[in-house]
Structure formats: structure tokens, C-alpha cells
Amino acid sequence: MKLVIHDMSEEEWEKISDDYFHWKVLSQRRTIQPCVGCFGCWVKTPGQCVLNDDYANMGSLIHEAEEIVVISKYTYGGFSSYVKNVFDRCIGWLLPYFEVVNGETHHKKRYPEKKAMTFIFRGNGLTEEDKEKARRYVEAVCLNFRGIIKDIRFEECEDEIITKQSESNPIVQSHKVILLNGSVRGNESNSKKFLDRVAKEIEGSVESINLSSYNNHYDKLLEKLSTADRLVLGLPMYVDGIPSALLRLMEKIEKTDIGSGKKIYAVVNMGFYESSQIKNVLSSVKDWSDKCGFEYCGGLAIGAGGMMGSMSTVPSYVKCPAQNVVNGLEAIGMLVNTSQKTDDIYADAFKYPRFLYIKAANAGWHKYAEQYGLKKKDLKKRLG
């Protein structure tokens, strides 16, 4: 079986569908929910997503595919929100355990194979810089997924003509900060903990919002976002990029007039040890800001996010592993407070070695699985 994943319209797909005769096709005609970051595909039903829709078996589908072709609109240096959603739902193909690959922390393989993958990015007037960003992103995805890049191609297509939709009410920007938690885990997320720490440094009007509270109600959220002059995005890194739910909102914002000139900051965390792996996410936020007429003012990249989320709330954080992270959060908060810019800040665990972090994280998965009646060997289950 060969697999093609695409975000093309039916009319566009009809023009090339004969090239993929007898291939398994995944497109936007299928119902897909965003990954909710529950780790169920690792500790509840190993290898299979717990969400009941057409994409629950993505882990085994990737395993069964002889070859994979991905066709996506070029979106802020990576995939469109639909294609990104498919990849977010694929993590059951991997194991939760960490190992070091090419000097970076990555997930171990559930299956022994490496998949040949072809990536086709579609856009209008893509520059060499755009293409390099896409290559860099694909390389990160394939390193983590243990995929083999067969080819990366760029094709010209007619850009969607974006006519900015105006909000029903006049846009009145106030001297206000909105902290938008882009994690679907809401108040239980590490992203929320980090944003709460940023908020302590900000004076004046501050509103904290969970994206998860506005599922399918983006119009109401856009109305709120239009009132702020500064926006801080808090988010986890999913599959080397922006989570699909937040990415979908960002695509919507690009098409909607919520006021230009907003100052954008980002606080991004991930489970891998090295904060440097977040560079593609921060680059995407900057590209999105430019597309929307906003001003990107810098971001904070946080490695070892799960551990840092807990430790960053400890009152006496000096000389503890979260010291660099809390210093970074305070710095971002003060910059937001004064509407200033910064180069991106990368915060790793302070004096906490990577080998110890990996050992602790891997052991933690066994305890997690025991809550659902699973044994250590069950986590390595292979499907098909």
C-alpha cells in the first residue's frame, strides 16, 4: 500500500488523481480531530489513537505504507493545518521513549523500518528562503519520524486571494495584553504554567485565554484578540511545529482583520531536552506575524518542558534545573510589559544532564502505563 496525504481542493486533486491510482488517499474530506496531547496512543492503547475518527489508526497506516507522498500548501515554513493535523495524529507510530540521534533527543522507533517520504509544497512565488525553511522543517520531521527524504519539490499554484474579513464590531485596540494558551490541554498544560509566570511581570490589563475554550467558536475568539495590542502565544511543539489547532486559528487570523501592528511574542515548550529544536516553530510564528501585518518581537524556547513546567512554579528556583527557564520567562514578561523586542531566547535545563533527564523520562512512562493496567512490554506493542 502506498499513501498520499494532501490538502488540495477536489478540483485541484482531479487534475493529478490519476498519478495516484490505487494509492490510499487522505484528504480533508475525512473527519479529523486535533491531537489532544493525552499520550493515549502511548499508554492507553499503544500504537493507536484514542480519538474515535477516521485517523485513529494513523500509526499502523504509516507502518503499512510502502511509500508516502505529502502534498501541502506552504504555510509559514511548513505544512498547512490539515496536513499538520495528520502528522500530529501519527505519533503512535513512535514509542514514547527517548534516545539521542545525531546529537539530539528523539523518540525511539516502534517499528524497525524507515519510510521513504516525498514532500511537495505548493505556493505562489516561493523564495529560496521559503524553500530552505521548508527543507529544514521536513528534515526535522523525518529525523524524528526516522523517515527517509526521497524528494522535496516545490510547485507553483494560484495563491488563495485573501480579502481580509472585518469583524462585525469596529476594532478598538487598547493598551492590553492577551496571553493565548495554544495547548489543547488548557489549564492542565505546561504552556499555561509558563504563561502564568510571564503574567507576573506585566502591569496593566492582562487577559489569559485558553484556545481549547473556543473550539468551533473562532469568531468569538477573534473578536477578543482584536482588542489587544500585544499577544503572547504559549504553545507546545508537536511534530517539530505548531499544533494543528493553533495553526488553524493562525490561518484564520491571516484572513481576518483584527487590527494590524500587534506585537507578537511566543513561549514554546517541548518534551525533548534541547531547546534548539524549537527554532522552526519560532520561525513559523515570525513568518505568520509578517503575513498578518504584525510585529514579531521575539520568543522563548523551553527544552525539557514537562520537568520545567513543574519546577518553574517553585518559589526558590535559583540554582534548580528551571533557573534558565524562569529567567527567560521573566525576561519575556518584562519585554511584553514595555513593548520591546528581543532576539529569540533558548532555555535549557540548568546543570541537569541530558542522560539523567532521558533516564527519568523513560522510567516515568512505565509508571504512567501502570495506571491503565499496562506492563512495560505492552508499551512496545506493534500493530499489523
Protein backbone atom coordinates (compact mmCIF):
# COMPACT_ATOMS: atom_id res chain seq x y z
CA MET A 1 0.00 0.00 0.00
CA LYS A 2 1.20 3.50 -0.90
CA LEU A 3 -0.13 6.55 0.92
CA VAL A 4 -0.71 10.12 -0.22
CA ILE A 5 -1.71 12.91 2.18
CA HIS A 6 -2.91 16.15 0.58
CA ASP A 7 -4.84 19.35 1.30
CA MET A 8 -5.91 20.13 -2.27
CA SER A 9 -9.42 21.08 -3.30
CA GLU A 10 -11.44 18.45 -5.19
CA GLU A 11 -10.94 20.38 -8.42
CA GLU A 12 -7.16 20.53 -7.94
CA TRP A 13 -6.97 16.88 -6.95
CA GLU A 14 -8.88 15.71 -10.01
CA LYS A 15 -6.11 17.09 -12.21
CA ILE A 16 -3.49 14.77 -10.70
CA SER A 17 -5.50 11.92 -9.17
CA ASP A 18 -4.57 9.51 -11.99
CA ASP A 19 -0.95 9.76 -10.83
CA TYR A 20 -2.03 8.15 -7.56
CA PHE A 21 -4.34 5.47 -8.91
CA HIS A 22 -4.60 2.59 -6.39
CA TRP A 23 -2.94 4.71 -3.67
CA LYS A 24 -4.57 5.19 -0.26
CA VAL A 25 -5.63 8.86 -0.15
CA LEU A 26 -6.07 11.03 2.94
CA SER A 27 -7.67 14.41 2.32
CA GLN A 28 -9.84 16.98 4.04
CA ARG A 29 -12.97 15.09 3.06
CA ARG A 30 -12.33 12.83 6.05
CA THR A 31 -13.27 13.90 9.57
CA ILE A 32 -10.26 14.69 11.74
CA GLN A 33 -9.95 15.92 15.30
CA PRO A 34 -6.81 17.66 16.59
CA CYS A 35 -4.35 15.73 18.75
CA VAL A 36 -5.25 16.48 22.38
CA GLY A 37 -1.83 15.66 23.84
CA CYS A 38 -3.24 12.91 26.08
CA PHE A 39 -0.47 10.36 25.33
CA GLY A 40 -3.20 7.72 24.97
CA CYS A 41 -1.51 6.28 21.88
CA TRP A 42 1.48 5.52 24.13
CA VAL A 43 -0.01 4.48 27.48
CA LYS A 44 -3.68 3.50 26.94
CA THR A 45 -3.89 1.87 23.51
CA PRO A 46 -0.22 1.67 22.44
CA GLY A 47 0.22 2.42 18.75
CA GLN A 48 -3.36 3.60 18.20
CA CYS A 49 -5.02 6.96 18.90
CA VAL A 50 -7.86 7.01 21.43
CA LEU A 51 -9.83 9.59 19.43
CA ASN A 52 -12.63 7.90 17.51
CA ASP A 53 -12.49 9.30 13.98
CA ASP A 54 -11.07 8.42 10.56
CA TYR A 55 -7.48 8.97 11.75
CA ALA A 56 -7.34 6.75 14.84
CA ASN A 57 -5.14 4.20 13.07
CA MET A 58 -2.52 6.58 11.66
CA GLY A 59 0.33 4.78 13.46
CA SER A 60 -0.39 1.44 11.81
CA LEU A 61 -1.24 3.13 8.50
CA ILE A 62 2.21 4.72 8.36
CA HIS A 63 3.70 1.33 9.26
CA GLU A 64 1.85 -0.44 6.45
CA ALA A 65 2.68 2.13 3.78
CA GLU A 66 5.49 1.26 1.39
CA GLU A 67 5.89 4.89 0.41
CA ILE A 68 4.39 8.22 1.50
CA VAL A 69 3.78 11.37 -0.53
CA VAL A 70 2.77 14.58 1.25
CA ILE A 71 1.25 17.46 -0.75
CA SER A 72 0.74 20.64 1.25
CA LYS A 73 0.22 24.33 0.80
CA TYR A 74 3.36 26.08 2.02
CA THR A 75 2.28 27.59 5.33
CA TYR A 76 4.66 29.68 7.44
CA GLY A 77 7.61 27.45 6.56
CA GLY A 78 5.81 24.13 6.94
CA PHE A 79 2.56 22.25 6.42
CA SER A 80 -0.99 23.56 6.26
CA SER A 81 -3.11 22.99 9.36
CA TYR A 82 -4.82 19.93 7.84
CA VAL A 83 -1.61 18.15 6.84
CA LYS A 84 -0.04 19.13 10.17
CA ASN A 85 -3.07 17.63 11.93
CA VAL A 86 -2.49 14.31 10.17
CA PHE A 87 1.14 14.28 11.30
CA ASP A 88 0.18 15.25 14.85
CA ARG A 89 -2.05 12.17 14.92
CA CYS A 90 0.81 9.91 13.71
CA ILE A 91 2.90 9.87 16.88
CA GLY A 92 1.66 6.40 17.84
CA TRP A 93 3.97 5.16 15.09
CA LEU A 94 6.78 6.00 17.50
CA LEU A 95 7.46 4.94 21.08
CA PRO A 96 7.32 7.38 23.99
CA TYR A 97 10.89 6.56 24.98
CA PHE A 98 13.75 8.95 24.26
CA GLU A 99 17.15 8.29 22.75
CA VAL A 100 19.89 10.50 21.28
CA VAL A 101 20.04 10.65 17.47
CA ASN A 102 22.51 12.90 15.66
CA GLY A 103 23.19 14.73 18.91
CA GLU A 104 19.52 15.42 19.68
CA THR A 105 16.81 13.82 21.79
CA HIS A 106 14.19 11.97 19.73
CA HIS A 107 11.62 9.21 20.17
CA LYS A 108 12.61 5.60 19.69
CA LYS A 109 11.11 3.65 16.81
CA ARG A 110 8.15 1.33 17.39
CA TYR A 111 8.77 -0.43 14.08
CA PRO A 112 12.13 -1.33 12.52
CA GLU A 113 11.51 0.32 9.14
CA LYS A 114 12.36 3.72 7.75
CA LYS A 115 9.77 5.26 5.45
CA ALA A 116 10.55 6.84 2.09
CA MET A 117 8.76 10.20 2.01
CA THR A 118 8.27 12.72 -0.78
CA PHE A 119 7.16 16.25 0.11
CA ILE A 120 5.53 18.60 -2.39
CA PHE A 121 4.98 22.18 -1.23
CA ARG A 122 2.60 24.33 -3.26
CA GLY A 123 2.69 28.10 -3.29
CA ASN A 124 2.96 31.24 -5.35
CA GLY A 125 6.31 32.93 -5.78
CA LEU A 126 8.12 30.94 -3.09
CA THR A 127 11.56 32.42 -2.47
CA GLU A 128 14.77 30.47 -1.92
CA GLU A 129 14.49 31.43 1.75
CA ASP A 130 10.97 29.96 1.87
CA LYS A 131 12.21 26.74 0.28
CA GLU A 132 15.10 26.48 2.70
CA LYS A 133 12.72 26.85 5.66
CA ALA A 134 10.53 24.06 4.27
CA ARG A 135 13.55 21.80 3.74
CA ARG A 136 14.75 22.49 7.27
CA TYR A 137 11.31 21.65 8.66
CA VAL A 138 10.99 18.42 6.67
CA GLU A 139 14.46 17.34 7.76
CA ALA A 140 13.45 17.81 11.40
CA VAL A 141 10.22 15.85 10.93
CA CYS A 142 11.98 12.99 9.16
CA LEU A 143 14.74 12.82 11.74
CA ASN A 144 12.16 12.49 14.49
CA PHE A 145 9.97 10.08 12.49
CA ARG A 146 13.00 8.19 11.11
CA GLY A 147 11.79 8.88 7.61
CA ILE A 148 13.96 8.95 4.52
CA ILE A 149 13.53 12.01 2.36
CA LYS A 150 13.07 10.68 -1.15
CA ASP A 151 12.38 14.10 -2.64
CA ILE A 152 11.32 17.65 -1.77
CA ARG A 153 9.63 19.58 -4.55
CA PHE A 154 8.05 23.00 -4.89
CA GLU A 155 5.21 23.69 -7.29
CA GLU A 156 3.65 26.95 -8.33
CA CYS A 157 -0.06 27.27 -7.74
CA GLU A 158 -2.51 30.10 -7.64
CA ASP A 159 -2.47 31.67 -4.22
CA GLU A 160 -5.78 31.97 -2.49
CA ILE A 161 -6.86 35.57 -2.82
CA ILE A 162 -7.17 36.78 0.76
CA THR A 163 -9.67 39.55 1.26
CA LYS A 164 -9.50 40.48 4.90
CA GLN A 165 -12.80 39.87 6.61
CA SER A 166 -13.65 42.61 9.06
CA GLU A 167 -15.07 41.91 12.48
CA SER A 168 -18.70 42.92 12.91
CA ASN A 169 -17.72 45.46 15.56
CA PRO A 170 -15.19 48.24 14.93
CA ILE A 171 -11.65 47.30 16.00
CA VAL A 172 -10.66 49.22 19.10
CA GLN A 173 -7.18 48.26 20.22
CA SER A 174 -6.46 49.08 23.82
CA HIS A 175 -3.24 49.02 25.79
CA LYS A 176 -3.91 45.40 26.61
CA VAL A 177 -2.04 42.09 26.64
CA ILE A 178 -3.65 38.76 25.78
CA LEU A 179 -1.90 35.54 26.78
CA LEU A 180 -3.22 32.86 24.42
CA ASN A 181 -2.63 29.30 25.55
CA GLY A 182 -2.48 27.26 22.33
CA SER A 183 -2.32 23.90 24.09
CA VAL A 184 -5.49 21.81 23.77
CA ARG A 185 -4.86 20.66 27.35
CA GLY A 186 -5.97 24.06 28.62
CA ASN A 187 -5.38 24.79 32.29
CA GLU A 188 -3.61 21.44 32.76
CA SER A 189 -0.89 22.25 30.26
CA ASN A 190 2.69 23.33 30.79
CA SER A 191 2.02 26.16 28.36
CA LYS A 192 -0.47 27.62 30.85
CA LYS A 193 2.06 27.40 33.69
CA PHE A 194 4.64 29.26 31.64
CA LEU A 195 2.19 31.96 30.57
CA ASP A 196 1.10 32.44 34.19
CA ARG A 197 4.74 33.09 35.07
CA VAL A 198 5.05 35.63 32.26
CA ALA A 199 1.89 37.39 33.50
CA LYS A 200 3.54 38.19 36.84
CA GLU A 201 5.87 40.65 35.11
CA ILE A 202 3.13 42.52 33.24
CA GLU A 203 1.36 45.59 34.60
CA GLY A 204 -1.99 46.87 33.44
CA SER A 205 -4.70 44.98 31.56
CA VAL A 206 -3.88 41.30 31.00
CA GLU A 207 -6.26 38.57 29.87
CA SER A 208 -5.41 34.87 29.80
CA ILE A 209 -7.30 32.75 27.26
CA ASN A 210 -7.30 29.02 26.51
CA LEU A 211 -7.71 28.16 22.84
CA SER A 212 -9.45 24.95 23.94
CA SER A 213 -12.34 27.02 25.29
CA TYR A 214 -13.15 28.26 21.78
CA ASN A 215 -13.38 25.06 19.75
CA ASN A 216 -15.52 25.83 16.69
CA HIS A 217 -16.13 29.33 18.04
CA TYR A 218 -13.17 31.13 16.50
CA ASP A 219 -15.23 34.20 15.60
CA LYS A 220 -15.74 35.00 19.29
CA LEU A 221 -12.04 34.47 19.93
CA LEU A 222 -11.05 36.73 17.03
CA GLU A 223 -13.23 39.47 18.48
CA LYS A 224 -11.34 39.21 21.77
CA LEU A 225 -7.93 39.15 20.08
CA SER A 226 -8.80 42.30 18.13
CA THR A 227 -8.88 44.32 21.37
CA ALA A 228 -5.23 43.69 22.30
CA ASP A 229 -2.11 45.48 21.11
CA ARG A 230 0.20 42.70 22.39
CA LEU A 231 -0.32 38.97 22.02
CA VAL A 232 1.73 36.27 23.73
CA LEU A 233 1.34 32.81 22.22
CA GLY A 234 2.04 29.92 24.59
CA LEU A 235 2.25 26.51 22.94
CA PRO A 236 3.84 23.08 22.96
CA MET A 237 5.82 21.86 19.98
CA TYR A 238 4.03 19.00 18.20
CA VAL A 239 5.92 17.08 15.50
CA ASP A 240 8.53 19.83 15.17
CA GLY A 241 5.92 22.51 14.53
CA ILE A 242 2.88 24.43 15.74
CA PRO A 243 -0.03 22.23 16.96
CA SER A 244 -2.67 21.96 14.25
CA ALA A 245 -5.46 23.52 16.33
CA LEU A 246 -3.45 26.69 16.89
CA LEU A 247 -2.18 26.65 13.31
CA ARG A 248 -5.78 26.60 12.06
CA LEU A 249 -6.53 29.69 14.15
CA MET A 250 -3.43 31.42 12.76
CA GLU A 251 -4.59 30.70 9.20
CA LYS A 252 -7.97 32.20 10.13
CA ILE A 253 -6.36 35.30 11.61
CA GLU A 254 -4.37 35.85 8.41
CA LYS A 255 -7.70 36.12 6.55
CA THR A 256 -9.40 38.33 9.14
CA ASP A 257 -8.82 41.96 10.00
CA ILE A 258 -8.23 42.03 13.75
CA GLY A 259 -6.01 45.09 13.62
CA SER A 260 -2.51 45.47 12.22
CA GLY A 261 0.65 46.32 14.12
CA LYS A 262 0.08 43.99 17.05
CA LYS A 263 3.25 42.96 18.84
CA ILE A 264 3.68 39.18 18.93
CA TYR A 265 5.67 37.15 21.45
CA ALA A 266 5.93 33.35 21.72
CA VAL A 267 6.67 30.96 24.58
CA VAL A 268 7.21 27.46 23.19
CA ASN A 269 7.98 24.28 25.12
CA MET A 270 8.60 20.65 24.23
CA GLY A 271 9.46 17.32 25.83
CA PHE A 272 12.83 16.96 24.12
CA TYR A 273 15.84 18.14 26.11
CA GLU A 274 17.36 20.64 23.67
CA SER A 275 15.53 23.94 23.28
CA SER A 276 17.37 24.47 19.97
CA GLN A 277 14.91 22.08 18.31
CA ILE A 278 12.21 24.76 18.66
CA LYS A 279 13.86 27.10 16.16
CA ASN A 280 11.50 26.07 13.33
CA VAL A 281 8.45 26.87 15.46
CA LEU A 282 9.69 30.35 16.30
CA SER A 283 10.49 30.91 12.63
CA SER A 284 6.91 29.94 11.74
CA VAL A 285 5.47 32.39 14.28
CA LYS A 286 7.62 35.15 12.78
CA ASP A 287 6.51 34.30 9.22
CA TRP A 288 2.87 34.29 10.33
CA SER A 289 3.34 37.66 12.03
CA ASP A 290 4.76 39.12 8.83
CA LYS A 291 1.85 37.74 6.77
CA CYS A 292 -0.68 39.32 9.14
CA GLY A 293 0.98 42.73 9.34
CA PHE A 294 2.01 42.15 12.95
CA GLU A 295 5.42 42.77 14.52
CA TYR A 296 7.25 39.70 15.81
CA CYS A 297 9.06 40.77 18.96
CA GLY A 298 10.80 37.54 19.93
CA GLY A 299 10.21 34.24 21.65
CA LEU A 300 11.36 31.88 24.37
CA ALA A 301 12.17 28.24 23.57
CA ILE A 302 11.99 25.83 26.52
CA GLY A 303 13.54 22.38 26.46
CA ALA A 304 12.55 19.54 28.83
CA GLY A 305 9.12 21.15 29.10
CA GLY A 306 7.39 18.62 31.37
CA MET A 307 10.03 18.87 34.06
CA MET A 308 10.39 22.63 33.64
CA GLY A 309 6.63 23.16 33.93
CA SER A 310 6.60 21.71 37.44
CA MET A 311 9.84 23.28 38.62
CA SER A 312 9.12 26.77 37.28
CA THR A 313 6.38 27.20 39.89
CA VAL A 314 8.75 26.61 42.81
CA PRO A 315 9.34 29.91 44.66
CA SER A 316 13.07 29.33 45.14
CA TYR A 317 14.12 28.43 41.59
CA VAL A 318 17.69 29.79 41.72
CA LYS A 319 20.22 27.02 41.03
CA CYS A 320 17.46 24.50 40.37
CA PRO A 321 17.10 22.97 36.86
CA ALA A 322 14.41 25.55 35.98
CA GLN A 323 16.64 28.57 36.62
CA ASN A 324 17.27 29.33 32.92
CA VAL A 325 13.61 28.85 32.09
CA VAL A 326 12.29 31.15 34.82
CA ASN A 327 14.86 33.78 33.93
CA GLY A 328 13.67 33.57 30.35
CA LEU A 329 10.00 33.82 31.36
CA GLU A 330 10.73 36.87 33.48
CA ALA A 331 12.65 38.45 30.61
CA ILE A 332 9.79 37.88 28.16
CA GLY A 333 7.30 39.25 30.68
CA MET A 334 9.28 42.45 31.16
CA LEU A 335 9.67 42.88 27.39
CA VAL A 336 5.94 42.43 26.87
CA ASN A 337 5.28 44.92 29.65
CA THR A 338 7.36 47.59 27.90
CA SER A 339 6.51 46.52 24.30
CA GLN A 340 10.17 45.88 23.50
CA LYS A 341 11.78 43.37 21.14
CA THR A 342 14.38 40.66 21.72
CA ASP A 343 16.28 38.01 19.85
CA ASP A 344 14.84 34.56 20.48
CA ILE A 345 15.89 33.11 23.84
CA TYR A 346 16.76 29.43 24.21
CA ALA A 347 16.46 27.99 27.73
CA ASP A 348 17.70 24.52 28.64
CA ALA A 349 17.77 22.75 31.99
CA PHE A 350 20.29 24.34 34.37
CA LYS A 351 23.02 21.89 35.43
CA TYR A 352 20.79 18.88 34.80
CA PRO A 353 22.49 16.47 32.37
CA ARG A 354 20.68 15.09 29.36
CA PHE A 355 21.39 11.44 30.16
CA LEU A 356 19.72 11.84 33.55
CA TYR A 357 16.72 13.59 32.02
CA ILE A 358 16.26 10.80 29.46
CA LYS A 359 16.60 8.12 32.13
CA ALA A 360 13.99 9.77 34.34
CA ALA A 361 11.60 10.43 31.44
CA ASN A 362 11.77 6.85 30.15
CA ALA A 363 11.16 5.42 33.62
CA GLY A 364 8.19 7.74 34.02
CA TRP A 365 6.36 6.13 31.09
CA HIS A 366 6.29 2.77 32.91
CA LYS A 367 4.57 4.33 35.94
CA TYR A 368 2.18 6.20 33.67
CA ALA A 369 1.16 2.99 31.88
CA GLU A 370 0.57 1.13 35.14
CA GLN A 371 -2.36 3.49 35.81
CA TYR A 372 -4.11 1.90 32.81
CA GLY A 373 -3.23 -1.69 33.69
CA LEU A 374 -0.41 -1.99 31.18
CA LYS A 375 3.01 -3.55 31.67
CA LYS A 376 6.32 -2.30 30.35
CA LYS A 377 6.27 -4.72 27.43
CA ASP A 378 2.78 -3.52 26.41
CA LEU A 379 4.10 -0.05 25.56
CA LYS A 380 6.18 -1.53 22.73
CA LYS A 381 3.23 -3.24 21.09
CA ARG A 382 3.28 -3.40 17.30
CA LEU A 383 0.11 -3.37 15.24
CA GLY A 384 -0.46 -5.17 11.96
